[in-house]
Amino acid sequence: MTVDAARVGGSVTISARAYQRVAQAVLADELRVAPREVRARVRDDRGGLALELESAIPEGGAPVAIRAAQARQRTAERTTDLTGARIADVRLRVTHLIASEHRRLS
């Protein structure tokens, strides 16, 4: 038996922490870093969400500024796709570089 969702009373609330975790996981995936390397804060911005992100970024490849800008944009898009929330602002602060695994330490 199916239930018509429009006829069922109640509400759905998504906590700020849930949005935070989604944005954190998406950015970690975009930058290909461990989730522990990413921090996210979420706040209301005139009815939309403002994301304040911090992350490490792997060294190598395209310039850091280009990769960070692309990851910032894709994180906003994917977070909207996953949550349905309107993302009003995204700020990404790169905290440090992660050395390549192939780099010799000696």
N, C-alpha and C. Protein backbone atom coordinates (compact mmCIF):
# COMPACT_ATOMS: atom_id res chain seq x y z
N MET A 1 0.84 -1.17 0.00
CA MET A 1 0.00 0.00 0.00
C MET A 1 0.89 1.24 0.00
N THR A 2 0.61 2.20 -0.85
CA THR A 2 1.39 3.43 -0.90
C THR A 2 0.59 4.56 -0.26
N VAL A 3 1.33 5.56 0.21
CA VAL A 3 0.71 6.70 0.86
C VAL A 3 1.02 7.94 0.05
N ASP A 4 0.01 8.75 -0.23
CA ASP A 4 0.21 10.01 -0.94
C ASP A 4 0.86 10.99 0.03
N ALA A 5 2.11 11.39 -0.24
CA ALA A 5 2.87 12.24 0.67
C ALA A 5 2.19 13.58 0.92
N ALA A 6 1.42 14.07 -0.04
CA ALA A 6 0.75 15.35 0.14
C ALA A 6 -0.36 15.25 1.18
N ARG A 7 -0.85 14.07 1.48
CA ARG A 7 -1.96 13.90 2.42
C ARG A 7 -1.50 13.51 3.82
N VAL A 8 -0.23 13.28 4.00
CA VAL A 8 0.28 12.88 5.31
C VAL A 8 0.74 14.13 6.04
N GLY A 9 0.25 14.34 7.25
CA GLY A 9 0.64 15.50 8.03
C GLY A 9 2.06 15.38 8.53
N GLY A 10 2.59 16.48 8.99
CA GLY A 10 3.94 16.48 9.55
C GLY A 10 4.87 17.40 8.80
N SER A 11 6.13 17.30 9.11
CA SER A 11 7.13 18.15 8.46
C SER A 11 8.47 17.43 8.42
N VAL A 12 9.36 17.99 7.64
CA VAL A 12 10.72 17.48 7.55
C VAL A 12 11.65 18.64 7.87
N THR A 13 12.58 18.41 8.77
CA THR A 13 13.56 19.42 9.14
C THR A 13 14.95 18.83 8.91
N ILE A 14 15.78 19.58 8.23
CA ILE A 14 17.16 19.16 8.01
C ILE A 14 18.04 20.08 8.85
N SER A 15 18.82 19.50 9.73
CA SER A 15 19.65 20.30 10.64
C SER A 15 20.83 20.92 9.91
N ALA A 16 21.34 21.98 10.49
CA ALA A 16 22.53 22.63 9.95
C ALA A 16 23.69 21.64 9.90
N ARG A 17 23.77 20.78 10.90
CA ARG A 17 24.85 19.78 10.94
C ARG A 17 24.78 18.83 9.74
N ALA A 18 23.56 18.48 9.32
CA ALA A 18 23.42 17.60 8.16
C ALA A 18 23.94 18.29 6.90
N TYR A 19 23.57 19.56 6.71
CA TYR A 19 24.09 20.30 5.57
C TYR A 19 25.61 20.40 5.63
N GLN A 20 26.11 20.62 6.82
CA GLN A 20 27.55 20.73 7.04
C GLN A 20 28.26 19.44 6.62
N ARG A 21 27.72 18.31 7.04
CA ARG A 21 28.34 17.01 6.72
C ARG A 21 28.29 16.72 5.22
N VAL A 22 27.19 17.08 4.58
CA VAL A 22 27.09 16.87 3.14
C VAL A 22 28.15 17.71 2.42
N ALA A 23 28.24 19.00 2.75
CA ALA A 23 29.22 19.87 2.10
C ALA A 23 30.64 19.38 2.36
N GLN A 24 30.90 18.92 3.56
CA GLN A 24 32.23 18.40 3.93
C GLN A 24 32.58 17.18 3.07
N ALA A 25 31.66 16.25 2.95
CA ALA A 25 31.90 15.03 2.18
C ALA A 25 32.07 15.35 0.70
N VAL A 26 31.26 16.26 0.18
CA VAL A 26 31.35 16.62 -1.24
C VAL A 26 32.70 17.27 -1.53
N LEU A 27 33.12 18.23 -0.69
CA LEU A 27 34.41 18.89 -0.93
C LEU A 27 35.56 17.90 -0.83
N ALA A 28 35.53 17.01 0.15
CA ALA A 28 36.59 15.99 0.27
C ALA A 28 36.65 15.16 -1.01
N ASP A 29 35.50 14.79 -1.54
CA ASP A 29 35.46 14.01 -2.78
C ASP A 29 36.00 14.83 -3.96
N GLU A 30 35.59 16.07 -4.06
CA GLU A 30 36.05 16.93 -5.16
C GLU A 30 37.57 17.13 -5.15
N LEU A 31 38.13 17.33 -3.97
CA LEU A 31 39.58 17.58 -3.87
C LEU A 31 40.39 16.30 -3.73
N ARG A 32 39.69 15.17 -3.57
CA ARG A 32 40.35 13.87 -3.37
C ARG A 32 41.26 13.89 -2.14
N VAL A 33 40.67 14.37 -1.04
CA VAL A 33 41.38 14.36 0.24
C VAL A 33 40.52 13.59 1.24
N ALA A 34 41.13 13.18 2.33
CA ALA A 34 40.39 12.49 3.39
C ALA A 34 39.40 13.46 4.03
N PRO A 35 38.22 12.99 4.39
CA PRO A 35 37.24 13.88 5.03
C PRO A 35 37.78 14.61 6.26
N ARG A 36 38.74 14.01 6.96
CA ARG A 36 39.31 14.67 8.14
C ARG A 36 40.09 15.94 7.78
N GLU A 37 40.43 16.09 6.50
CA GLU A 37 41.16 17.28 6.04
C GLU A 37 40.24 18.47 5.76
N VAL A 38 38.93 18.25 5.86
CA VAL A 38 37.95 19.27 5.48
C VAL A 38 37.14 19.71 6.69
N ARG A 39 36.91 21.00 6.80
CA ARG A 39 36.03 21.57 7.82
C ARG A 39 34.95 22.38 7.09
N ALA A 40 33.74 22.34 7.62
CA ALA A 40 32.65 23.10 7.01
C ALA A 40 31.80 23.74 8.10
N ARG A 41 31.36 24.95 7.82
CA ARG A 41 30.39 25.64 8.66
C ARG A 41 29.28 26.11 7.74
N VAL A 42 28.07 26.11 8.25
CA VAL A 42 26.91 26.51 7.47
C VAL A 42 26.17 27.59 8.25
N ARG A 43 25.71 28.60 7.54
CA ARG A 43 24.88 29.63 8.17
C ARG A 43 23.81 30.08 7.18
N ASP A 44 22.79 30.70 7.69
CA ASP A 44 21.72 31.22 6.86
C ASP A 44 22.19 32.51 6.19
N ASP A 45 21.86 32.65 4.91
CA ASP A 45 22.19 33.87 4.16
C ASP A 45 20.96 34.28 3.37
N ARG A 46 20.07 35.03 4.00
CA ARG A 46 18.84 35.52 3.37
C ARG A 46 18.02 34.39 2.75
N GLY A 47 17.84 33.33 3.50
CA GLY A 47 17.03 32.21 3.04
C GLY A 47 17.80 31.13 2.30
N GLY A 48 19.03 31.41 1.94
CA GLY A 48 19.90 30.40 1.33
C GLY A 48 20.94 29.96 2.34
N LEU A 49 21.80 29.09 1.92
CA LEU A 49 22.89 28.64 2.79
C LEU A 49 24.20 29.29 2.38
N ALA A 50 24.95 29.70 3.35
CA ALA A 50 26.32 30.16 3.13
C ALA A 50 27.24 29.07 3.68
N LEU A 51 28.15 28.59 2.85
CA LEU A 51 29.10 27.56 3.26
C LEU A 51 30.46 28.20 3.48
N GLU A 52 31.04 27.93 4.61
CA GLU A 52 32.40 28.37 4.91
C GLU A 52 33.24 27.10 5.03
N LEU A 53 34.10 26.88 4.06
CA LEU A 53 34.85 25.63 3.95
C LEU A 53 36.34 25.87 4.14
N GLU A 54 37.00 24.90 4.75
CA GLU A 54 38.47 24.90 4.88
C GLU A 54 38.94 23.51 4.50
N SER A 55 40.03 23.45 3.75
CA SER A 55 40.53 22.15 3.35
C SER A 55 41.99 22.21 2.97
N ALA A 56 42.63 21.07 3.11
CA ALA A 56 43.94 20.85 2.51
C ALA A 56 43.69 20.55 1.03
N ILE A 57 44.74 20.62 0.24
CA ILE A 57 44.62 20.29 -1.18
C ILE A 57 45.90 19.56 -1.59
N PRO A 58 45.77 18.51 -2.38
CA PRO A 58 46.98 17.79 -2.81
C PRO A 58 47.85 18.66 -3.72
N GLU A 59 49.14 18.50 -3.60
CA GLU A 59 50.03 19.22 -4.50
C GLU A 59 50.03 18.54 -5.86
N GLY A 60 50.44 19.28 -6.87
CA GLY A 60 50.53 18.72 -8.21
C GLY A 60 49.31 19.01 -9.05
N GLY A 61 49.45 18.80 -10.34
CA GLY A 61 48.34 19.06 -11.25
C GLY A 61 48.22 20.53 -11.58
N ALA A 62 47.00 20.95 -11.84
CA ALA A 62 46.73 22.36 -12.18
C ALA A 62 47.07 23.25 -10.98
N PRO A 63 47.23 24.54 -11.21
CA PRO A 63 47.52 25.45 -10.10
C PRO A 63 46.47 25.35 -8.99
N VAL A 64 46.90 25.55 -7.76
CA VAL A 64 46.04 25.43 -6.59
C VAL A 64 44.81 26.34 -6.72
N ALA A 65 45.00 27.57 -7.15
CA ALA A 65 43.88 28.51 -7.25
C ALA A 65 42.81 28.01 -8.21
N ILE A 66 43.21 27.42 -9.31
CA ILE A 66 42.25 26.91 -10.30
C ILE A 66 41.51 25.70 -9.74
N ARG A 67 42.25 24.76 -9.16
CA ARG A 67 41.60 23.56 -8.59
C ARG A 67 40.66 23.93 -7.45
N ALA A 68 41.07 24.89 -6.62
CA ALA A 68 40.22 25.31 -5.50
C ALA A 68 38.94 25.98 -6.01
N ALA A 69 39.06 26.83 -7.00
CA ALA A 69 37.88 27.51 -7.56
C ALA A 69 36.91 26.50 -8.18
N GLN A 70 37.45 25.52 -8.89
CA GLN A 70 36.59 24.49 -9.49
C GLN A 70 35.91 23.64 -8.42
N ALA A 71 36.64 23.27 -7.39
CA ALA A 71 36.08 22.46 -6.31
C ALA A 71 35.01 23.24 -5.55
N ARG A 72 35.24 24.53 -5.36
CA ARG A 72 34.26 25.40 -4.70
C ARG A 72 32.95 25.42 -5.48
N GLN A 73 33.04 25.61 -6.78
CA GLN A 73 31.84 25.66 -7.63
C GLN A 73 31.11 24.32 -7.65
N ARG A 74 31.86 23.24 -7.84
CA ARG A 74 31.23 21.91 -7.89
C ARG A 74 30.63 21.52 -6.54
N THR A 75 31.26 21.94 -5.46
CA THR A 75 30.72 21.65 -4.13
C THR A 75 29.37 22.34 -3.95
N ALA A 76 29.26 23.58 -4.38
CA ALA A 76 27.98 24.29 -4.30
C ALA A 76 26.92 23.57 -5.13
N GLU A 77 27.26 23.19 -6.35
CA GLU A 77 26.30 22.53 -7.23
C GLU A 77 25.86 21.18 -6.68
N ARG A 78 26.81 20.38 -6.26
CA ARG A 78 26.48 19.03 -5.76
C ARG A 78 25.74 19.08 -4.43
N THR A 79 26.08 20.05 -3.57
CA THR A 79 25.36 20.19 -2.30
C THR A 79 23.90 20.55 -2.57
N THR A 80 23.67 21.44 -3.53
CA THR A 80 22.30 21.77 -3.93
C THR A 80 21.59 20.55 -4.49
N ASP A 81 22.26 19.81 -5.36
CA ASP A 81 21.66 18.60 -5.95
C ASP A 81 21.26 17.59 -4.88
N LEU A 82 22.12 17.42 -3.87
CA LEU A 82 21.88 16.41 -2.85
C LEU A 82 20.86 16.83 -1.80
N THR A 83 20.81 18.12 -1.49
CA THR A 83 19.96 18.58 -0.39
C THR A 83 18.74 19.36 -0.85
N GLY A 84 18.79 19.92 -2.04
CA GLY A 84 17.70 20.78 -2.50
C GLY A 84 17.80 22.19 -1.98
N ALA A 85 18.80 22.48 -1.16
CA ALA A 85 18.97 23.82 -0.59
C ALA A 85 19.58 24.78 -1.61
N ARG A 86 19.20 26.04 -1.51
CA ARG A 86 19.80 27.07 -2.36
C ARG A 86 21.08 27.54 -1.68
N ILE A 87 22.18 27.43 -2.38
CA ILE A 87 23.47 27.87 -1.85
C ILE A 87 23.68 29.31 -2.29
N ALA A 88 23.73 30.22 -1.32
CA ALA A 88 23.84 31.65 -1.61
C ALA A 88 25.29 32.11 -1.70
N ASP A 89 26.18 31.45 -0.96
CA ASP A 89 27.58 31.90 -0.91
C ASP A 89 28.45 30.73 -0.49
N VAL A 90 29.62 30.63 -1.10
CA VAL A 90 30.59 29.60 -0.72
C VAL A 90 31.96 30.25 -0.62
N ARG A 91 32.59 30.06 0.52
CA ARG A 91 33.96 30.56 0.71
C ARG A 91 34.83 29.37 1.05
N LEU A 92 35.92 29.23 0.31
CA LEU A 92 36.84 28.11 0.52
C LEU A 92 38.21 28.67 0.88
N ARG A 93 38.72 28.22 2.00
CA ARG A 93 40.06 28.59 2.44
C ARG A 93 40.94 27.36 2.38
N VAL A 94 42.00 27.42 1.57
CA VAL A 94 42.95 26.31 1.49
C VAL A 94 43.94 26.49 2.63
N THR A 95 44.04 25.46 3.48
CA THR A 95 44.86 25.56 4.68
C THR A 95 46.29 25.08 4.50
N HIS A 96 46.48 24.06 3.65
CA HIS A 96 47.83 23.55 3.42
C HIS A 96 47.83 22.59 2.24
N LEU A 97 49.03 22.28 1.77
CA LEU A 97 49.21 21.30 0.69
C LEU A 97 49.53 19.95 1.28
N ILE A 98 49.02 18.92 0.63
CA ILE A 98 49.35 17.56 1.01
C ILE A 98 50.36 17.04 0.00
N ALA A 99 51.50 16.57 0.50
CA ALA A 99 52.57 16.07 -0.37
C ALA A 99 52.12 14.83 -1.11
N SER A 100 52.61 14.69 -2.32
CA SER A 100 52.33 13.52 -3.14
C SER A 100 52.89 12.28 -2.48
N GLU A 101 52.18 11.16 -2.60
CA GLU A 101 52.65 9.90 -2.02
C GLU A 101 53.92 9.41 -2.68
N HIS A 102 54.18 9.84 -3.89
CA HIS A 102 55.34 9.37 -4.64
C HIS A 102 56.60 10.19 -4.35
N ARG A 103 56.46 11.22 -3.60
CA ARG A 103 57.59 12.09 -3.30
C ARG A 103 58.47 11.45 -2.24
N ARG A 104 59.76 11.50 -2.47
CA ARG A 104 60.69 10.94 -1.48
C ARG A 104 60.83 11.91 -0.33
N LEU A 105 60.87 11.38 0.87
CA LEU A 105 60.99 12.22 2.06
C LEU A 105 62.44 12.45 2.48
N SER A 106 63.40 11.71 1.91
CA SER A 106 64.79 11.87 2.32
C SER A 106 65.52 12.91 1.50
